[in-house]
Amino acid sequence: YQRGVHGAFCRALTSQHIGNMLVSLETTGDCEEARGVLAALAPKLVDFVGELTTQGMSMAFVGLRKFGDSTECRAMLAALAPLVAATSQSMDAQTVEQALKLLARLGGGSEVAAMLDALKRLAAAVPGLESETVQVALSGFPELGADTALPAGWTRHQ
C-alpha cells in the first residue's frame, strides 16, 4: 500500500490494473474523456515497480487500438515501452500482432520506435508468429529502411 493524493492508503498499481484500465477504453473509442484517462495514467507508469505481464500487455494494446494518432496515445506508448522491454514474460503471436498493427497505424516517431525495439526481442521468440503478418505490419513504417535489423528468422519482402 502507498499513501494516495488525499492521504488515504491506496494499493500499488499492478499489471492487472494497467491492463484493466486500458482495455476498458476500447469501448469508449478515441474521445476527449478517454484521452484524459491516458494523459492521467501515462505518468503513473513511470513509477510502476512491477512486471508487465503478457495479459497486461495484451489488454493494453487492445485498449489503445481504437485511438488515433494523439499526444496522449503516444505518451502512453512511451510509458509502456520500457515496461515491455523489461518484461521476462513471453508474448503470444496475437499480442505481437495487436501491437504491430497499433504501431503501424501511428506511423513513425520516437515512441513508436521505442516500442518496436522493445517488441523485437519478445517477438523473435514467439512460436507461430507468421513472418508475413509481421511484414504487413512493418510496411506501415516507411522510415524502416532495408538496413533495419529484423529479429532472427524474419525476412523482409518487397
N, C-alpha and C. Protein backbone atom coordinates (compact mmCIF):
# COMPACT_ATOMS: atom_id res chain seq x y z
N TYR A 1 0.84 -1.19 0.00
CA TYR A 1 0.00 0.00 0.00
C TYR A 1 0.88 1.24 0.00
N GLN A 2 0.35 2.31 -0.58
CA GLN A 2 1.07 3.59 -0.59
C GLN A 2 0.07 4.70 -0.30
N ARG A 3 0.58 5.81 0.18
CA ARG A 3 -0.28 6.93 0.52
C ARG A 3 -0.69 7.65 -0.78
N GLY A 4 -1.99 7.82 -0.96
CA GLY A 4 -2.53 8.46 -2.16
C GLY A 4 -2.54 9.97 -2.05
N VAL A 5 -3.12 10.62 -3.03
CA VAL A 5 -3.14 12.08 -3.14
C VAL A 5 -3.79 12.74 -1.94
N HIS A 6 -4.86 12.18 -1.45
CA HIS A 6 -5.60 12.78 -0.35
C HIS A 6 -5.22 12.19 1.02
N GLY A 7 -4.08 11.50 1.07
CA GLY A 7 -3.60 10.97 2.33
C GLY A 7 -4.10 9.57 2.65
N ALA A 8 -5.05 9.07 1.91
CA ALA A 8 -5.56 7.72 2.16
C ALA A 8 -4.58 6.70 1.59
N PHE A 9 -4.58 5.50 2.14
CA PHE A 9 -3.72 4.46 1.61
C PHE A 9 -4.37 3.82 0.41
N CYS A 10 -3.59 3.61 -0.63
CA CYS A 10 -4.05 3.00 -1.87
C CYS A 10 -3.17 1.79 -2.16
N ARG A 11 -3.74 0.83 -2.84
CA ARG A 11 -2.93 -0.31 -3.28
C ARG A 11 -2.03 0.14 -4.41
N ALA A 12 -0.85 -0.44 -4.45
CA ALA A 12 0.10 -0.13 -5.52
C ALA A 12 -0.45 -0.60 -6.86
N LEU A 13 -0.13 0.11 -7.91
CA LEU A 13 -0.56 -0.23 -9.26
C LEU A 13 0.04 -1.58 -9.68
N THR A 14 -0.78 -2.44 -10.26
CA THR A 14 -0.31 -3.74 -10.74
C THR A 14 -0.48 -3.83 -12.25
N SER A 15 0.12 -4.85 -12.83
CA SER A 15 -0.05 -5.10 -14.25
C SER A 15 -1.52 -5.29 -14.60
N GLN A 16 -2.24 -5.98 -13.74
CA GLN A 16 -3.68 -6.21 -13.96
C GLN A 16 -4.44 -4.88 -13.97
N HIS A 17 -4.09 -3.97 -13.07
CA HIS A 17 -4.74 -2.65 -13.04
C HIS A 17 -4.49 -1.91 -14.36
N ILE A 18 -3.25 -1.92 -14.79
CA ILE A 18 -2.90 -1.23 -16.04
C ILE A 18 -3.71 -1.80 -17.20
N GLY A 19 -3.69 -3.13 -17.33
CA GLY A 19 -4.44 -3.78 -18.40
C GLY A 19 -5.93 -3.49 -18.33
N ASN A 20 -6.50 -3.58 -17.13
CA ASN A 20 -7.95 -3.32 -16.98
C ASN A 20 -8.31 -1.90 -17.37
N MET A 21 -7.51 -0.94 -16.91
CA MET A 21 -7.82 0.46 -17.24
C MET A 21 -7.76 0.72 -18.73
N LEU A 22 -6.74 0.17 -19.38
CA LEU A 22 -6.59 0.44 -20.82
C LEU A 22 -7.59 -0.34 -21.66
N VAL A 23 -7.84 -1.59 -21.33
CA VAL A 23 -8.77 -2.37 -22.14
C VAL A 23 -10.19 -1.80 -22.04
N SER A 24 -10.51 -1.20 -20.91
CA SER A 24 -11.85 -0.61 -20.76
C SER A 24 -12.05 0.58 -21.70
N LEU A 25 -10.96 1.19 -22.14
CA LEU A 25 -11.06 2.34 -23.05
C LEU A 25 -11.41 1.92 -24.48
N GLU A 26 -11.29 0.63 -24.78
CA GLU A 26 -11.64 0.16 -26.12
C GLU A 26 -13.10 0.47 -26.43
N THR A 27 -13.96 0.38 -25.44
CA THR A 27 -15.38 0.60 -25.68
C THR A 27 -15.73 2.08 -25.85
N THR A 28 -14.90 2.97 -25.32
CA THR A 28 -15.18 4.40 -25.47
C THR A 28 -14.68 4.94 -26.80
N GLY A 29 -13.60 4.34 -27.30
CA GLY A 29 -13.01 4.87 -28.52
C GLY A 29 -12.21 6.12 -28.22
N ASP A 30 -11.80 6.79 -29.26
CA ASP A 30 -10.95 7.97 -29.15
C ASP A 30 -11.82 9.20 -28.93
N CYS A 31 -11.95 9.61 -27.68
CA CYS A 31 -12.71 10.80 -27.35
C CYS A 31 -11.94 11.61 -26.30
N GLU A 32 -12.38 12.80 -26.05
CA GLU A 32 -11.68 13.69 -25.13
C GLU A 32 -11.53 13.08 -23.73
N GLU A 33 -12.58 12.44 -23.24
CA GLU A 33 -12.54 11.86 -21.90
C GLU A 33 -11.56 10.70 -21.83
N ALA A 34 -11.55 9.85 -22.85
CA ALA A 34 -10.64 8.71 -22.88
C ALA A 34 -9.19 9.19 -22.99
N ARG A 35 -8.98 10.23 -23.78
CA ARG A 35 -7.63 10.80 -23.86
C ARG A 35 -7.19 11.36 -22.52
N GLY A 36 -8.15 11.90 -21.76
CA GLY A 36 -7.85 12.40 -20.42
C GLY A 36 -7.38 11.28 -19.50
N VAL A 37 -7.99 10.10 -19.64
CA VAL A 37 -7.57 8.95 -18.85
C VAL A 37 -6.14 8.55 -19.23
N LEU A 38 -5.85 8.51 -20.52
CA LEU A 38 -4.49 8.19 -20.97
C LEU A 38 -3.49 9.21 -20.42
N ALA A 39 -3.85 10.48 -20.49
CA ALA A 39 -2.96 11.54 -20.00
C ALA A 39 -2.69 11.41 -18.51
N ALA A 40 -3.69 11.00 -17.75
CA ALA A 40 -3.53 10.84 -16.30
C ALA A 40 -2.75 9.57 -15.95
N LEU A 41 -2.95 8.50 -16.72
CA LEU A 41 -2.32 7.22 -16.40
C LEU A 41 -0.86 7.13 -16.84
N ALA A 42 -0.53 7.70 -17.99
CA ALA A 42 0.83 7.56 -18.52
C ALA A 42 1.92 7.94 -17.52
N PRO A 43 1.83 9.08 -16.83
CA PRO A 43 2.89 9.42 -15.87
C PRO A 43 2.99 8.43 -14.70
N LYS A 44 1.89 7.79 -14.36
CA LYS A 44 1.88 6.81 -13.26
C LYS A 44 2.70 5.57 -13.62
N LEU A 45 2.79 5.26 -14.92
CA LEU A 45 3.53 4.07 -15.33
C LEU A 45 5.04 4.24 -15.15
N VAL A 46 5.50 5.48 -15.11
CA VAL A 46 6.92 5.74 -14.89
C VAL A 46 7.34 5.21 -13.52
N ASP A 47 6.45 5.27 -12.55
CA ASP A 47 6.73 4.83 -11.18
C ASP A 47 6.35 3.37 -10.94
N PHE A 48 5.85 2.68 -11.96
CA PHE A 48 5.42 1.30 -11.81
C PHE A 48 6.63 0.41 -11.49
N VAL A 49 6.54 -0.36 -10.42
CA VAL A 49 7.68 -1.17 -10.00
C VAL A 49 7.51 -2.66 -10.29
N GLY A 50 6.37 -3.07 -10.75
CA GLY A 50 6.14 -4.48 -11.04
C GLY A 50 6.57 -4.85 -12.45
N GLU A 51 6.18 -6.04 -12.83
CA GLU A 51 6.46 -6.51 -14.19
C GLU A 51 5.16 -6.53 -14.98
N LEU A 52 5.20 -6.01 -16.18
CA LEU A 52 4.04 -6.04 -17.05
C LEU A 52 3.90 -7.47 -17.58
N THR A 53 2.78 -8.09 -17.29
CA THR A 53 2.56 -9.48 -17.71
C THR A 53 2.10 -9.53 -19.17
N THR A 54 2.11 -10.72 -19.71
CA THR A 54 1.61 -10.92 -21.07
C THR A 54 0.16 -10.46 -21.17
N GLN A 55 -0.65 -10.81 -20.17
CA GLN A 55 -2.05 -10.40 -20.18
C GLN A 55 -2.16 -8.88 -20.10
N GLY A 56 -1.36 -8.25 -19.25
CA GLY A 56 -1.38 -6.79 -19.14
C GLY A 56 -1.01 -6.12 -20.44
N MET A 57 0.01 -6.66 -21.13
CA MET A 57 0.42 -6.11 -22.43
C MET A 57 -0.70 -6.25 -23.45
N SER A 58 -1.27 -7.44 -23.51
CA SER A 58 -2.34 -7.69 -24.47
C SER A 58 -3.52 -6.75 -24.24
N MET A 59 -3.92 -6.62 -23.00
CA MET A 59 -5.05 -5.74 -22.67
C MET A 59 -4.72 -4.28 -23.01
N ALA A 60 -3.48 -3.88 -22.78
CA ALA A 60 -3.07 -2.50 -23.09
C ALA A 60 -3.17 -2.24 -24.59
N PHE A 61 -2.66 -3.17 -25.39
CA PHE A 61 -2.69 -2.97 -26.84
C PHE A 61 -4.11 -3.00 -27.39
N VAL A 62 -4.96 -3.85 -26.83
CA VAL A 62 -6.36 -3.89 -27.24
C VAL A 62 -7.03 -2.55 -26.90
N GLY A 63 -6.76 -2.03 -25.72
CA GLY A 63 -7.36 -0.77 -25.30
C GLY A 63 -6.93 0.41 -26.14
N LEU A 64 -5.69 0.37 -26.62
CA LEU A 64 -5.17 1.50 -27.40
C LEU A 64 -5.53 1.44 -28.88
N ARG A 65 -6.03 0.31 -29.33
CA ARG A 65 -6.23 0.16 -30.78
C ARG A 65 -7.31 1.06 -31.37
N LYS A 66 -8.21 1.59 -30.56
CA LYS A 66 -9.25 2.49 -31.08
C LYS A 66 -8.80 3.95 -31.11
N PHE A 67 -7.61 4.22 -30.57
CA PHE A 67 -7.14 5.59 -30.52
C PHE A 67 -6.41 5.95 -31.81
N GLY A 68 -6.63 7.18 -32.25
CA GLY A 68 -5.89 7.69 -33.39
C GLY A 68 -4.55 8.23 -32.92
N ASP A 69 -3.87 8.86 -33.83
CA ASP A 69 -2.57 9.44 -33.51
C ASP A 69 -2.80 10.69 -32.67
N SER A 70 -2.45 10.62 -31.40
CA SER A 70 -2.63 11.75 -30.50
C SER A 70 -1.46 11.82 -29.53
N THR A 71 -1.29 12.98 -28.94
CA THR A 71 -0.24 13.18 -27.93
C THR A 71 -0.44 12.20 -26.78
N GLU A 72 -1.68 12.00 -26.35
CA GLU A 72 -1.97 11.13 -25.22
C GLU A 72 -1.67 9.66 -25.52
N CYS A 73 -2.02 9.22 -26.71
CA CYS A 73 -1.73 7.84 -27.10
C CYS A 73 -0.23 7.62 -27.19
N ARG A 74 0.47 8.58 -27.75
CA ARG A 74 1.93 8.47 -27.86
C ARG A 74 2.60 8.51 -26.48
N ALA A 75 2.06 9.31 -25.57
CA ALA A 75 2.61 9.35 -24.21
C ALA A 75 2.43 8.00 -23.52
N MET A 76 1.28 7.37 -23.74
CA MET A 76 1.04 6.05 -23.16
C MET A 76 1.98 5.02 -23.76
N LEU A 77 2.18 5.09 -25.06
CA LEU A 77 3.10 4.18 -25.74
C LEU A 77 4.52 4.36 -25.19
N ALA A 78 4.93 5.61 -25.00
CA ALA A 78 6.26 5.90 -24.45
C ALA A 78 6.39 5.36 -23.03
N ALA A 79 5.33 5.42 -22.26
CA ALA A 79 5.36 4.91 -20.89
C ALA A 79 5.36 3.38 -20.85
N LEU A 80 4.69 2.76 -21.81
CA LEU A 80 4.62 1.30 -21.84
C LEU A 80 5.89 0.65 -22.39
N ALA A 81 6.58 1.32 -23.31
CA ALA A 81 7.74 0.72 -23.99
C ALA A 81 8.80 0.19 -23.02
N PRO A 82 9.22 0.95 -22.00
CA PRO A 82 10.23 0.39 -21.09
C PRO A 82 9.71 -0.80 -20.28
N LEU A 83 8.41 -0.82 -20.00
CA LEU A 83 7.83 -1.95 -19.27
C LEU A 83 7.81 -3.20 -20.15
N VAL A 84 7.49 -3.03 -21.42
CA VAL A 84 7.51 -4.15 -22.37
C VAL A 84 8.95 -4.64 -22.54
N ALA A 85 9.88 -3.71 -22.66
CA ALA A 85 11.29 -4.08 -22.84
C ALA A 85 11.85 -4.82 -21.63
N ALA A 86 11.37 -4.50 -20.45
CA ALA A 86 11.92 -5.07 -19.22
C ALA A 86 11.26 -6.39 -18.81
N THR A 87 10.19 -6.77 -19.47
CA THR A 87 9.48 -7.96 -19.02
C THR A 87 10.26 -9.24 -19.30
N SER A 88 10.11 -10.19 -18.44
CA SER A 88 10.69 -11.52 -18.66
C SER A 88 9.62 -12.48 -19.16
N GLN A 89 8.42 -11.97 -19.31
CA GLN A 89 7.29 -12.77 -19.78
C GLN A 89 7.46 -13.09 -21.26
N SER A 90 6.86 -14.20 -21.67
CA SER A 90 6.83 -14.50 -23.10
C SER A 90 5.58 -13.84 -23.67
N MET A 91 5.59 -13.64 -24.95
CA MET A 91 4.47 -12.98 -25.61
C MET A 91 3.89 -13.94 -26.63
N ASP A 92 2.58 -13.90 -26.81
CA ASP A 92 1.97 -14.75 -27.82
C ASP A 92 1.83 -13.99 -29.14
N ALA A 93 1.58 -14.74 -30.20
CA ALA A 93 1.52 -14.16 -31.55
C ALA A 93 0.43 -13.09 -31.65
N GLN A 94 -0.71 -13.32 -31.03
CA GLN A 94 -1.81 -12.37 -31.12
C GLN A 94 -1.43 -11.02 -30.49
N THR A 95 -0.73 -11.05 -29.37
CA THR A 95 -0.33 -9.80 -28.71
C THR A 95 0.68 -9.04 -29.57
N VAL A 96 1.63 -9.75 -30.18
CA VAL A 96 2.60 -9.10 -31.06
C VAL A 96 1.88 -8.47 -32.25
N GLU A 97 0.95 -9.20 -32.83
CA GLU A 97 0.21 -8.68 -33.98
C GLU A 97 -0.60 -7.45 -33.61
N GLN A 98 -1.25 -7.47 -32.43
CA GLN A 98 -2.03 -6.31 -31.97
C GLN A 98 -1.11 -5.09 -31.83
N ALA A 99 0.04 -5.32 -31.23
CA ALA A 99 0.98 -4.22 -31.01
C ALA A 99 1.48 -3.66 -32.33
N LEU A 100 1.85 -4.53 -33.26
CA LEU A 100 2.38 -4.07 -34.54
C LEU A 100 1.34 -3.32 -35.35
N LYS A 101 0.10 -3.77 -35.30
CA LYS A 101 -0.97 -3.06 -36.01
C LYS A 101 -1.17 -1.66 -35.43
N LEU A 102 -1.12 -1.56 -34.11
CA LEU A 102 -1.24 -0.25 -33.46
C LEU A 102 -0.09 0.65 -33.88
N LEU A 103 1.12 0.13 -33.84
CA LEU A 103 2.29 0.94 -34.20
C LEU A 103 2.26 1.37 -35.66
N ALA A 104 1.84 0.46 -36.53
CA ALA A 104 1.77 0.79 -37.96
C ALA A 104 0.76 1.90 -38.21
N ARG A 105 -0.34 1.88 -37.46
CA ARG A 105 -1.35 2.92 -37.63
C ARG A 105 -0.84 4.28 -37.18
N LEU A 106 0.02 4.29 -36.17
CA LEU A 106 0.55 5.55 -35.66
C LEU A 106 1.70 6.08 -36.52
N GLY A 107 2.34 5.19 -37.29
CA GLY A 107 3.44 5.63 -38.15
C GLY A 107 4.72 5.76 -37.36
N GLY A 108 5.52 6.77 -37.69
CA GLY A 108 6.83 6.94 -37.08
C GLY A 108 6.79 7.68 -35.76
N GLY A 109 7.97 8.02 -35.31
CA GLY A 109 8.10 8.77 -34.06
C GLY A 109 8.92 8.00 -33.04
N SER A 110 9.46 8.71 -32.08
CA SER A 110 10.33 8.08 -31.09
C SER A 110 9.58 7.07 -30.22
N GLU A 111 8.30 7.33 -29.93
CA GLU A 111 7.52 6.42 -29.11
C GLU A 111 7.29 5.09 -29.84
N VAL A 112 7.01 5.20 -31.12
CA VAL A 112 6.79 4.01 -31.94
C VAL A 112 8.09 3.22 -32.07
N ALA A 113 9.19 3.93 -32.31
CA ALA A 113 10.49 3.26 -32.43
C ALA A 113 10.88 2.56 -31.14
N ALA A 114 10.62 3.19 -29.99
CA ALA A 114 10.96 2.59 -28.70
C ALA A 114 10.14 1.31 -28.48
N MET A 115 8.86 1.35 -28.80
CA MET A 115 8.02 0.16 -28.63
C MET A 115 8.42 -0.93 -29.61
N LEU A 116 8.73 -0.55 -30.84
CA LEU A 116 9.15 -1.53 -31.83
C LEU A 116 10.43 -2.23 -31.38
N ASP A 117 11.38 -1.48 -30.84
CA ASP A 117 12.61 -2.07 -30.31
C ASP A 117 12.30 -3.03 -29.17
N ALA A 118 11.39 -2.64 -28.29
CA ALA A 118 11.01 -3.49 -27.16
C ALA A 118 10.36 -4.79 -27.65
N LEU A 119 9.57 -4.69 -28.70
CA LEU A 119 8.85 -5.85 -29.21
C LEU A 119 9.74 -6.82 -29.99
N LYS A 120 10.79 -6.32 -30.62
CA LYS A 120 11.62 -7.18 -31.46
C LYS A 120 12.18 -8.37 -30.68
N ARG A 121 12.69 -8.12 -29.49
CA ARG A 121 13.26 -9.20 -28.68
C ARG A 121 12.19 -10.22 -28.31
N LEU A 122 11.04 -9.73 -27.89
CA LEU A 122 9.97 -10.63 -27.47
C LEU A 122 9.38 -11.40 -28.66
N ALA A 123 9.20 -10.69 -29.77
CA ALA A 123 8.56 -11.30 -30.94
C ALA A 123 9.42 -12.39 -31.57
N ALA A 124 10.73 -12.24 -31.46
CA ALA A 124 11.62 -13.23 -32.07
C ALA A 124 11.44 -14.61 -31.46
N ALA A 125 10.95 -14.68 -30.24
CA ALA A 125 10.79 -15.96 -29.54
C ALA A 125 9.36 -16.49 -29.58
N VAL A 126 8.50 -15.88 -30.37
CA VAL A 126 7.09 -16.28 -30.39
C VAL A 126 6.86 -17.40 -31.40
N PRO A 127 6.48 -18.58 -30.92
CA PRO A 127 6.15 -19.65 -31.87
C PRO A 127 4.84 -19.34 -32.58
N GLY A 128 4.79 -19.64 -33.85
CA GLY A 128 3.55 -19.47 -34.60
C GLY A 128 3.31 -18.07 -35.13
N LEU A 129 4.27 -17.18 -34.91
CA LEU A 129 4.11 -15.83 -35.44
C LEU A 129 4.49 -15.85 -36.91
N GLU A 130 3.54 -15.53 -37.74
CA GLU A 130 3.76 -15.58 -39.18
C GLU A 130 4.61 -14.40 -39.64
N SER A 131 5.68 -14.69 -40.30
CA SER A 131 6.57 -13.65 -40.83
C SER A 131 5.80 -12.70 -41.74
N GLU A 132 4.84 -13.23 -42.50
CA GLU A 132 4.06 -12.41 -43.42
C GLU A 132 3.23 -11.37 -42.65
N THR A 133 2.66 -11.76 -41.53
CA THR A 133 1.87 -10.84 -40.70
C THR A 133 2.74 -9.71 -40.20
N VAL A 134 3.94 -10.06 -39.77
CA VAL A 134 4.88 -9.05 -39.28
C VAL A 134 5.26 -8.11 -40.42
N GLN A 135 5.50 -8.64 -41.61
CA GLN A 135 5.89 -7.81 -42.74
C GLN A 135 4.78 -6.84 -43.13
N VAL A 136 3.54 -7.30 -43.09
CA VAL A 136 2.42 -6.42 -43.39
C VAL A 136 2.37 -5.28 -42.38
N ALA A 137 2.55 -5.61 -41.12
CA ALA A 137 2.54 -4.57 -40.09
C ALA A 137 3.71 -3.61 -40.26
N LEU A 138 4.89 -4.16 -40.54
CA LEU A 138 6.07 -3.31 -40.70
C LEU A 138 6.00 -2.43 -41.95
N SER A 139 5.17 -2.80 -42.91
CA SER A 139 5.04 -1.98 -44.12
C SER A 139 4.47 -0.61 -43.79
N GLY A 140 3.88 -0.48 -42.62
CA GLY A 140 3.37 0.81 -42.17
C GLY A 140 4.47 1.73 -41.67
N PHE A 141 5.72 1.28 -41.72
CA PHE A 141 6.85 2.07 -41.25
C PHE A 141 7.79 2.38 -42.42
N PRO A 142 7.46 3.36 -43.24
CA PRO A 142 8.32 3.64 -44.39
C PRO A 142 9.72 4.07 -43.98
N GLU A 143 9.89 4.60 -42.76
CA GLU A 143 11.22 5.03 -42.33
C GLU A 143 12.14 3.87 -42.00
N LEU A 144 11.60 2.63 -41.93
CA LEU A 144 12.43 1.47 -41.69
C LEU A 144 13.04 1.02 -43.01
N GLY A 145 14.25 1.36 -43.22
CA GLY A 145 14.92 1.03 -44.47
C GLY A 145 15.37 -0.42 -44.50
N ALA A 146 15.96 -0.80 -45.59
CA ALA A 146 16.42 -2.18 -45.78
C ALA A 146 17.52 -2.54 -44.79
N ASP A 147 18.19 -1.55 -44.20
CA ASP A 147 19.26 -1.84 -43.27
C ASP A 147 18.78 -2.04 -41.84
N THR A 148 17.49 -1.87 -41.59
CA THR A 148 16.94 -2.05 -40.24
C THR A 148 16.95 -3.53 -39.90
N ALA A 149 17.54 -3.86 -38.77
CA ALA A 149 17.67 -5.25 -38.35
C ALA A 149 16.32 -5.81 -37.92
N LEU A 150 16.00 -6.99 -38.44
CA LEU A 150 14.79 -7.70 -38.04
C LEU A 150 15.20 -8.83 -37.11
N PRO A 151 14.29 -9.29 -36.25
CA PRO A 151 14.61 -10.42 -35.38
C PRO A 151 15.00 -11.66 -36.19
N ALA A 152 15.75 -12.55 -35.56
CA ALA A 152 16.19 -13.79 -36.21
C ALA A 152 14.99 -14.55 -36.75
N GLY A 153 15.11 -15.03 -37.97
CA GLY A 153 14.04 -15.81 -38.59
C GLY A 153 13.04 -14.99 -39.38
N TRP A 154 13.10 -13.67 -39.27
CA TRP A 154 12.19 -12.81 -40.02
C TRP A 154 12.87 -12.41 -41.32
N THR A 155 12.08 -12.23 -42.36
CA THR A 155 12.62 -11.79 -43.63
C THR A 155 11.84 -10.59 -44.13
N ARG A 156 12.49 -9.74 -44.91
CA ARG A 156 11.85 -8.56 -45.46
C ARG A 156 11.40 -8.87 -46.88
N HIS A 157 10.16 -8.55 -47.18
CA HIS A 157 9.59 -8.79 -48.52
C HIS A 157 9.25 -7.44 -49.14
N GLN A 158 9.50 -7.31 -50.39
CA GLN A 158 9.21 -6.07 -51.10
C GLN A 158 8.01 -6.25 -51.98
